[in-house]
Amino acid sequence: VQLQASGGGLVQAGGSLTLSCAASGAVSTYAMGWFRQGSGKEREFVGAISQGGSRTNYDYSVAGRFTISRDNAKNTVYLQMNSLKPEDTAVYYCAARPVGPSNYYSTFASVNEYLYWGQGTLVTVSS
């Protein structure tokens, strides 16, 4: 599956953005995740959503501010980001991991657990 992330841009601190991750094929059999990479930093986990969308998991740094959702009918995953801070500035990546029935409710937080990656979209938060 090919992933295309979009929706990044420049926003003031305290503002909001919604990122989208569109897949070239059906994502209903994939667990999905969002990661980010700041300048000079390693790629880090932001949040993840299970195959059916009933379970989500977030890094503590974004919990309560960011929300992941998915629309399997549209093959798209979203990352709603509120109360943005300058430290949220990074390139944001979506990722997909194929899962079987036994992992229907599972979420995954490690870069190494994902097989497919989008190209990234830049989010810049000004102070």
N, C-alpha and C. Protein backbone atom coordinates (compact mmCIF):
# COMPACT_ATOMS: atom_id res chain seq x y z
N VAL A 1 0.84 -1.18 0.00
CA VAL A 1 0.00 0.00 0.00
C VAL A 1 0.89 1.24 0.00
N GLN A 2 0.49 2.26 -0.74
CA GLN A 2 1.21 3.53 -0.75
C GLN A 2 0.43 4.54 0.06
N LEU A 3 1.17 5.34 0.84
CA LEU A 3 0.55 6.31 1.74
C LEU A 3 0.96 7.72 1.34
N GLN A 4 0.01 8.64 1.41
CA GLN A 4 0.25 10.03 1.05
C GLN A 4 -0.24 10.90 2.18
N ALA A 5 0.70 11.51 2.91
CA ALA A 5 0.34 12.41 4.00
C ALA A 5 0.19 13.84 3.47
N SER A 6 -0.75 14.57 4.02
CA SER A 6 -0.97 15.95 3.60
C SER A 6 -1.58 16.73 4.77
N GLY A 7 -1.63 18.05 4.59
CA GLY A 7 -2.27 18.89 5.58
C GLY A 7 -1.33 19.70 6.44
N GLY A 8 -0.04 19.50 6.27
CA GLY A 8 0.92 20.26 7.06
C GLY A 8 0.94 21.72 6.65
N GLY A 9 1.60 22.52 7.45
CA GLY A 9 1.70 23.93 7.15
C GLY A 9 2.23 24.70 8.34
N LEU A 10 2.12 26.01 8.23
CA LEU A 10 2.58 26.92 9.29
C LEU A 10 1.38 27.36 10.12
N VAL A 11 1.52 27.25 11.43
CA VAL A 11 0.43 27.63 12.33
C VAL A 11 1.03 28.27 13.57
N GLN A 12 0.29 29.17 14.17
CA GLN A 12 0.75 29.81 15.40
C GLN A 12 0.51 28.89 16.59
N ALA A 13 1.31 29.08 17.60
CA ALA A 13 1.13 28.32 18.83
C ALA A 13 -0.29 28.48 19.34
N GLY A 14 -0.86 27.38 19.77
CA GLY A 14 -2.24 27.39 20.22
C GLY A 14 -3.24 27.05 19.13
N GLY A 15 -2.78 27.03 17.91
CA GLY A 15 -3.65 26.75 16.78
C GLY A 15 -3.86 25.27 16.55
N SER A 16 -4.56 24.96 15.46
CA SER A 16 -4.92 23.58 15.13
C SER A 16 -4.61 23.27 13.67
N LEU A 17 -4.35 22.02 13.42
CA LEU A 17 -4.18 21.49 12.07
C LEU A 17 -4.73 20.07 12.04
N THR A 18 -5.19 19.67 10.88
CA THR A 18 -5.59 18.27 10.69
C THR A 18 -4.78 17.68 9.54
N LEU A 19 -4.07 16.63 9.83
CA LEU A 19 -3.31 15.92 8.82
C LEU A 19 -4.14 14.75 8.30
N SER A 20 -3.95 14.46 7.03
CA SER A 20 -4.62 13.31 6.42
C SER A 20 -3.57 12.37 5.86
N CYS A 21 -3.90 11.10 5.87
CA CYS A 21 -3.04 10.07 5.28
C CYS A 21 -3.93 9.23 4.38
N ALA A 22 -3.78 9.42 3.08
CA ALA A 22 -4.59 8.68 2.11
C ALA A 22 -3.80 7.49 1.60
N ALA A 23 -4.47 6.36 1.56
CA ALA A 23 -3.82 5.13 1.09
C ALA A 23 -4.28 4.79 -0.32
N SER A 24 -3.37 4.15 -1.06
CA SER A 24 -3.68 3.79 -2.44
C SER A 24 -4.62 2.59 -2.52
N GLY A 25 -4.68 1.84 -1.42
CA GLY A 25 -5.57 0.68 -1.41
C GLY A 25 -6.32 0.61 -0.10
N ALA A 26 -6.97 -0.49 0.10
CA ALA A 26 -7.76 -0.67 1.32
C ALA A 26 -6.87 -0.71 2.55
N VAL A 27 -7.23 0.07 3.55
CA VAL A 27 -6.46 0.08 4.80
C VAL A 27 -7.17 -0.66 5.92
N SER A 28 -8.26 -1.29 5.60
CA SER A 28 -9.07 -1.93 6.63
C SER A 28 -8.36 -3.09 7.31
N THR A 29 -7.29 -3.60 6.69
CA THR A 29 -6.54 -4.70 7.31
C THR A 29 -5.21 -4.24 7.88
N TYR A 30 -5.09 -2.92 8.09
CA TYR A 30 -3.85 -2.36 8.62
C TYR A 30 -4.10 -1.61 9.92
N ALA A 31 -3.19 -1.78 10.86
CA ALA A 31 -3.09 -0.84 11.97
C ALA A 31 -2.28 0.35 11.47
N MET A 32 -2.64 1.54 11.93
CA MET A 32 -2.01 2.75 11.41
C MET A 32 -1.36 3.54 12.54
N GLY A 33 -0.35 4.30 12.16
CA GLY A 33 0.34 5.12 13.15
C GLY A 33 0.80 6.43 12.57
N TRP A 34 1.02 7.39 13.45
CA TRP A 34 1.63 8.66 13.09
C TRP A 34 2.91 8.82 13.89
N PHE A 35 3.95 9.27 13.19
CA PHE A 35 5.23 9.54 13.81
C PHE A 35 5.68 10.93 13.37
N ARG A 36 6.68 11.46 14.04
CA ARG A 36 7.22 12.74 13.64
C ARG A 36 8.73 12.76 13.84
N GLN A 37 9.36 13.64 13.08
CA GLN A 37 10.82 13.77 13.17
C GLN A 37 11.19 15.23 13.10
N GLY A 38 11.68 15.75 14.22
CA GLY A 38 12.15 17.11 14.25
C GLY A 38 13.55 17.21 13.69
N SER A 39 13.98 18.42 13.40
CA SER A 39 15.30 18.63 12.82
C SER A 39 16.39 18.11 13.75
N GLY A 40 17.22 17.23 13.25
CA GLY A 40 18.31 16.68 14.03
C GLY A 40 17.89 15.65 15.06
N LYS A 41 16.65 15.22 15.00
CA LYS A 41 16.15 14.25 15.98
C LYS A 41 15.76 12.93 15.31
N GLU A 42 15.60 11.93 16.12
CA GLU A 42 15.13 10.65 15.62
C GLU A 42 13.61 10.68 15.44
N ARG A 43 13.13 9.82 14.60
CA ARG A 43 11.70 9.70 14.39
C ARG A 43 11.06 9.16 15.66
N GLU A 44 9.97 9.81 16.08
CA GLU A 44 9.33 9.42 17.33
C GLU A 44 7.85 9.17 17.16
N PHE A 45 7.33 8.34 18.02
CA PHE A 45 5.92 7.97 18.01
C PHE A 45 5.04 9.13 18.44
N VAL A 46 3.94 9.31 17.71
CA VAL A 46 2.94 10.31 18.06
C VAL A 46 1.67 9.60 18.54
N GLY A 47 1.13 8.74 17.72
CA GLY A 47 -0.08 8.03 18.09
C GLY A 47 -0.37 6.91 17.12
N ALA A 48 -1.29 6.04 17.50
CA ALA A 48 -1.63 4.89 16.67
C ALA A 48 -3.11 4.55 16.84
N ILE A 49 -3.63 3.86 15.84
CA ILE A 49 -5.02 3.45 15.87
C ILE A 49 -5.13 2.02 15.37
N SER A 50 -6.01 1.28 16.00
CA SER A 50 -6.16 -0.13 15.64
C SER A 50 -6.87 -0.28 14.29
N GLN A 51 -6.89 -1.50 13.83
CA GLN A 51 -7.43 -1.81 12.50
C GLN A 51 -8.85 -1.29 12.31
N GLY A 52 -9.69 -1.52 13.30
CA GLY A 52 -11.08 -1.09 13.18
C GLY A 52 -11.35 0.31 13.70
N GLY A 53 -10.37 0.87 14.37
CA GLY A 53 -10.52 2.23 14.87
C GLY A 53 -11.02 2.35 16.29
N SER A 54 -11.24 1.24 16.96
CA SER A 54 -11.82 1.31 18.30
C SER A 54 -10.79 1.58 19.38
N ARG A 55 -9.52 1.38 19.09
CA ARG A 55 -8.46 1.59 20.07
C ARG A 55 -7.46 2.60 19.52
N THR A 56 -7.04 3.52 20.39
CA THR A 56 -6.01 4.47 20.05
C THR A 56 -4.98 4.53 21.18
N ASN A 57 -3.82 5.02 20.84
CA ASN A 57 -2.73 5.12 21.80
C ASN A 57 -1.92 6.34 21.43
N TYR A 58 -1.50 7.12 22.42
CA TYR A 58 -0.79 8.36 22.15
C TYR A 58 0.47 8.47 23.00
N ASP A 59 1.45 9.14 22.47
CA ASP A 59 2.59 9.52 23.29
C ASP A 59 2.12 10.53 24.33
N TYR A 60 2.73 10.52 25.50
CA TYR A 60 2.29 11.39 26.57
C TYR A 60 2.40 12.87 26.18
N SER A 61 3.33 13.19 25.28
CA SER A 61 3.56 14.59 24.91
C SER A 61 2.41 15.19 24.09
N VAL A 62 1.57 14.33 23.51
CA VAL A 62 0.46 14.82 22.69
C VAL A 62 -0.89 14.39 23.22
N ALA A 63 -0.90 13.51 24.19
CA ALA A 63 -2.17 13.01 24.74
C ALA A 63 -3.02 14.16 25.25
N GLY A 64 -4.29 14.16 24.86
CA GLY A 64 -5.20 15.22 25.25
C GLY A 64 -5.24 16.37 24.27
N ARG A 65 -4.26 16.43 23.37
CA ARG A 65 -4.23 17.50 22.36
C ARG A 65 -4.45 16.96 20.95
N PHE A 66 -3.96 15.76 20.69
CA PHE A 66 -4.05 15.16 19.36
C PHE A 66 -5.06 14.02 19.38
N THR A 67 -5.73 13.84 18.25
CA THR A 67 -6.70 12.75 18.11
C THR A 67 -6.52 12.06 16.77
N ILE A 68 -6.41 10.76 16.80
CA ILE A 68 -6.32 9.97 15.58
C ILE A 68 -7.69 9.36 15.29
N SER A 69 -8.04 9.38 14.01
CA SER A 69 -9.27 8.71 13.58
C SER A 69 -9.02 8.11 12.21
N ARG A 70 -9.94 7.27 11.79
CA ARG A 70 -9.79 6.66 10.48
C ARG A 70 -11.16 6.45 9.84
N ASP A 71 -11.16 6.51 8.52
CA ASP A 71 -12.35 6.22 7.74
C ASP A 71 -11.95 5.15 6.74
N ASN A 72 -12.21 3.92 7.09
CA ASN A 72 -11.78 2.82 6.22
C ASN A 72 -12.49 2.83 4.87
N ALA A 73 -13.67 3.37 4.83
CA ALA A 73 -14.39 3.45 3.55
C ALA A 73 -13.69 4.40 2.59
N LYS A 74 -12.99 5.40 3.14
CA LYS A 74 -12.25 6.36 2.32
C LYS A 74 -10.76 6.05 2.28
N ASN A 75 -10.36 4.97 2.95
CA ASN A 75 -8.94 4.59 3.00
C ASN A 75 -8.07 5.74 3.49
N THR A 76 -8.53 6.42 4.52
CA THR A 76 -7.85 7.60 5.02
C THR A 76 -7.79 7.58 6.55
N VAL A 77 -6.65 8.03 7.06
CA VAL A 77 -6.44 8.18 8.49
C VAL A 77 -6.14 9.66 8.76
N TYR A 78 -6.62 10.14 9.89
CA TYR A 78 -6.48 11.56 10.21
C TYR A 78 -5.74 11.75 11.53
N LEU A 79 -5.09 12.90 11.64
CA LEU A 79 -4.48 13.31 12.90
C LEU A 79 -4.92 14.74 13.16
N GLN A 80 -5.85 14.89 14.09
CA GLN A 80 -6.32 16.21 14.49
C GLN A 80 -5.40 16.72 15.59
N MET A 81 -4.79 17.88 15.35
CA MET A 81 -3.83 18.43 16.30
C MET A 81 -4.34 19.76 16.82
N ASN A 82 -4.56 19.84 18.10
CA ASN A 82 -5.03 21.06 18.75
C ASN A 82 -3.99 21.57 19.74
N SER A 83 -4.14 22.82 20.14
CA SER A 83 -3.25 23.43 21.13
C SER A 83 -1.79 23.19 20.76
N LEU A 84 -1.46 23.46 19.52
CA LEU A 84 -0.12 23.17 19.04
C LEU A 84 0.92 24.03 19.74
N LYS A 85 2.09 23.44 19.92
CA LYS A 85 3.21 24.10 20.58
C LYS A 85 4.39 24.14 19.63
N PRO A 86 5.31 25.08 19.84
CA PRO A 86 6.51 25.12 18.97
C PRO A 86 7.27 23.79 18.95
N GLU A 87 7.26 23.07 20.04
CA GLU A 87 7.97 21.78 20.08
C GLU A 87 7.27 20.69 19.27
N ASP A 88 6.10 20.97 18.75
CA ASP A 88 5.43 20.03 17.85
C ASP A 88 5.94 20.17 16.41
N THR A 89 6.77 21.16 16.16
CA THR A 89 7.33 21.36 14.82
C THR A 89 8.13 20.15 14.39
N ALA A 90 7.78 19.58 13.25
CA ALA A 90 8.44 18.36 12.76
C ALA A 90 7.83 17.98 11.42
N VAL A 91 8.48 17.03 10.78
CA VAL A 91 7.86 16.35 9.64
C VAL A 91 7.06 15.19 10.19
N TYR A 92 5.80 15.12 9.83
CA TYR A 92 4.91 14.09 10.33
C TYR A 92 4.72 13.01 9.27
N TYR A 93 4.84 11.76 9.71
CA TYR A 93 4.73 10.61 8.83
C TYR A 93 3.59 9.70 9.28
N CYS A 94 2.87 9.17 8.30
CA CYS A 94 1.92 8.11 8.64
C CYS A 94 2.53 6.77 8.23
N ALA A 95 2.09 5.74 8.88
CA ALA A 95 2.65 4.41 8.65
C ALA A 95 1.56 3.36 8.78
N ALA A 96 1.78 2.24 8.12
CA ALA A 96 0.79 1.16 8.12
C ALA A 96 1.45 -0.17 8.42
N ARG A 97 0.74 -0.98 9.17
CA ARG A 97 1.21 -2.32 9.50
C ARG A 97 0.08 -3.31 9.23
N PRO A 98 0.30 -4.28 8.35
CA PRO A 98 -0.75 -5.28 8.13
C PRO A 98 -0.95 -6.12 9.40
N VAL A 99 -2.20 -6.38 9.73
CA VAL A 99 -2.49 -7.17 10.91
C VAL A 99 -3.53 -8.23 10.59
N GLY A 100 -3.50 -9.30 11.36
CA GLY A 100 -4.48 -10.35 11.22
C GLY A 100 -5.56 -10.23 12.28
N PRO A 101 -6.52 -11.13 12.26
CA PRO A 101 -7.64 -11.08 13.22
C PRO A 101 -7.20 -11.07 14.67
N SER A 102 -6.11 -11.70 14.99
CA SER A 102 -5.66 -11.76 16.39
C SER A 102 -5.18 -10.41 16.89
N ASN A 103 -4.87 -9.50 16.01
CA ASN A 103 -4.39 -8.16 16.39
C ASN A 103 -5.39 -7.07 16.03
N TYR A 104 -6.65 -7.43 15.95
CA TYR A 104 -7.68 -6.47 15.52
C TYR A 104 -7.71 -5.24 16.42
N TYR A 105 -7.47 -5.40 17.71
CA TYR A 105 -7.55 -4.28 18.65
C TYR A 105 -6.17 -3.73 19.03
N SER A 106 -5.14 -4.19 18.34
CA SER A 106 -3.79 -3.79 18.72
C SER A 106 -3.37 -2.46 18.11
N THR A 107 -2.57 -1.73 18.87
CA THR A 107 -1.90 -0.55 18.35
C THR A 107 -0.40 -0.75 18.52
N PHE A 108 0.36 -0.04 17.72
CA PHE A 108 1.81 -0.26 17.68
C PHE A 108 2.54 1.07 17.76
N ALA A 109 3.56 1.13 18.61
CA ALA A 109 4.21 2.40 18.90
C ALA A 109 5.66 2.47 18.45
N SER A 110 6.15 1.43 17.85
CA SER A 110 7.56 1.41 17.46
C SER A 110 7.71 1.57 15.95
N VAL A 111 8.72 2.35 15.56
CA VAL A 111 9.01 2.54 14.13
C VAL A 111 9.19 1.19 13.45
N ASN A 112 9.86 0.28 14.13
CA ASN A 112 10.20 -1.01 13.53
C ASN A 112 9.00 -1.92 13.32
N GLU A 113 7.86 -1.56 13.89
CA GLU A 113 6.68 -2.41 13.77
C GLU A 113 5.85 -2.09 12.53
N TYR A 114 6.23 -1.06 11.79
CA TYR A 114 5.48 -0.65 10.62
C TYR A 114 6.21 -1.00 9.34
N LEU A 115 5.43 -1.38 8.35
CA LEU A 115 6.00 -1.84 7.09
C LEU A 115 5.97 -0.78 6.01
N TYR A 116 4.92 0.02 5.99
CA TYR A 116 4.75 1.01 4.93
C TYR A 116 4.74 2.42 5.53
N TRP A 117 5.36 3.36 4.78
CA TRP A 117 5.49 4.73 5.25
C TRP A 117 5.10 5.71 4.17
N GLY A 118 4.47 6.82 4.58
CA GLY A 118 4.22 7.92 3.68
C GLY A 118 5.45 8.81 3.58
N GLN A 119 5.35 9.84 2.77
CA GLN A 119 6.52 10.68 2.48
C GLN A 119 6.71 11.79 3.50
N GLY A 120 5.74 12.05 4.34
CA GLY A 120 5.88 13.07 5.37
C GLY A 120 5.30 14.40 4.94
N THR A 121 4.81 15.13 5.93
CA THR A 121 4.29 16.48 5.71
C THR A 121 4.79 17.36 6.84
N LEU A 122 5.28 18.56 6.50
CA LEU A 122 5.93 19.43 7.47
C LEU A 122 4.91 20.27 8.22
N VAL A 123 5.03 20.24 9.54
CA VAL A 123 4.24 21.09 10.42
C VAL A 123 5.18 22.03 11.14
N THR A 124 4.94 23.31 11.01
CA THR A 124 5.76 24.32 11.67
C THR A 124 4.87 25.15 12.58
N VAL A 125 5.21 25.18 13.86
CA VAL A 125 4.43 25.93 14.84
C VAL A 125 5.27 27.10 15.31
N SER A 126 4.78 28.30 15.06
CA SER A 126 5.52 29.51 15.46
C SER A 126 5.08 29.97 16.84
N SER A 127 6.01 30.56 17.55
CA SER A 127 5.71 31.03 18.91
C SER A 127 5.20 32.46 18.93
